Amino acid sequence: MRCVVCKSLDIERKMVEEEIKSGFDILLVPMEVLACKNCGVRYYDRKTMRRIEDVRSRLKKKDLKVEEVGKVLRAV
């Protein structure tokens, strides 16, 4: 497979934390995806996309166990 952005052949499976935004919150979802080692672009297969959609749906229904991992602060 060749990267569609930088044309590199250096694409590998790796663990990433996908960010799903919900209002002012960001949910980090660990998943394995194909990613270009040269430019970082990610490629998602159908199974991965279904998982992202399922997490979004469960998050809206408040049917997803989550843990707080930090806080975001804003200077005023």
Protein backbone atom coordinates (compact mmCIF):
# COMPACT_ATOMS: atom_id res chain seq x y z
CA MET A 1 0.00 0.00 0.00
CA ARG A 2 1.21 3.49 -0.84
CA CYS A 3 0.29 6.57 1.22
CA VAL A 4 -2.18 8.77 -0.65
CA VAL A 5 -0.66 11.94 0.87
CA CYS A 6 3.14 11.54 0.68
CA LYS A 7 3.36 8.42 -1.56
CA SER A 8 5.54 6.59 0.99
CA LEU A 9 5.45 2.79 1.13
CA ASP A 10 6.28 2.89 4.85
CA ILE A 11 2.83 2.12 6.32
CA GLU A 12 2.42 0.08 9.50
CA ARG A 13 -0.21 -1.06 12.01
CA LYS A 14 0.09 0.87 15.23
CA MET A 15 -1.83 1.68 18.39
CA VAL A 16 -3.23 5.22 18.52
CA GLU A 17 -5.67 7.13 20.68
CA GLU A 18 -8.49 8.30 18.46
CA GLU A 19 -10.11 11.54 19.66
CA ILE A 20 -13.92 11.74 19.70
CA LYS A 21 -15.33 15.16 20.60
CA SER A 22 -18.51 15.49 22.62
CA GLY A 23 -19.42 19.07 23.51
CA PHE A 24 -16.43 20.48 25.35
CA ASP A 25 -15.10 17.00 26.16
CA ILE A 26 -12.70 14.80 24.22
CA LEU A 27 -12.88 11.03 24.56
CA LEU A 28 -9.67 9.10 23.85
CA VAL A 29 -10.32 5.67 22.35
CA PRO A 30 -7.33 3.32 21.96
CA MET A 31 -7.38 1.41 18.67
CA GLU A 32 -5.09 -0.19 16.15
CA VAL A 33 -4.97 1.46 12.71
CA LEU A 34 -2.77 1.61 9.65
CA ALA A 35 -0.63 4.76 9.69
CA CYS A 36 2.05 6.22 7.44
CA LYS A 37 5.36 6.38 9.28
CA ASN A 38 6.44 9.28 7.07
CA CYS A 39 3.55 11.79 7.33
CA GLY A 40 1.30 10.24 10.01
CA VAL A 41 -1.91 9.97 7.97
CA ARG A 42 -4.21 7.25 9.33
CA TYR A 43 -6.25 4.69 7.38
CA TYR A 44 -9.42 3.17 8.82
CA ASP A 45 -11.00 -0.11 7.77
CA ARG A 46 -14.74 -0.85 8.10
CA LYS A 47 -14.32 -2.60 11.45
CA THR A 48 -12.53 0.42 12.93
CA MET A 49 -15.11 2.85 11.55
CA ARG A 50 -17.92 0.75 13.04
CA ARG A 51 -16.19 0.83 16.42
CA ILE A 52 -15.84 4.63 16.26
CA GLU A 53 -19.52 4.97 15.33
CA ASP A 54 -20.53 2.59 18.15
CA VAL A 55 -18.50 4.56 20.71
CA ARG A 56 -20.08 7.84 19.53
CA SER A 57 -23.56 6.34 19.77
CA ARG A 58 -22.96 4.88 23.23
CA LEU A 59 -21.45 8.16 24.40
CA LYS A 60 -24.60 10.06 23.34
CA LYS A 61 -26.77 7.52 25.17
CA LYS A 62 -24.49 7.77 28.24
CA ASP A 63 -24.02 3.99 27.96
CA LEU A 64 -20.22 4.04 27.97
CA LYS A 65 -17.91 3.61 30.92
CA VAL A 66 -15.26 6.34 30.90
CA GLU A 67 -12.61 7.60 33.28
CA GLU A 68 -11.29 11.11 33.79
CA VAL A 69 -7.62 11.35 32.86
CA GLY A 70 -6.97 15.06 33.28
CA LYS A 71 -8.38 18.55 33.12
CA VAL A 72 -8.24 21.41 30.67
CA LEU A 73 -7.82 24.86 32.15
CA ARG A 74 -8.37 28.23 30.48
CA ALA A 75 -6.79 31.50 31.61
CA VAL A 76 -9.25 34.38 31.98
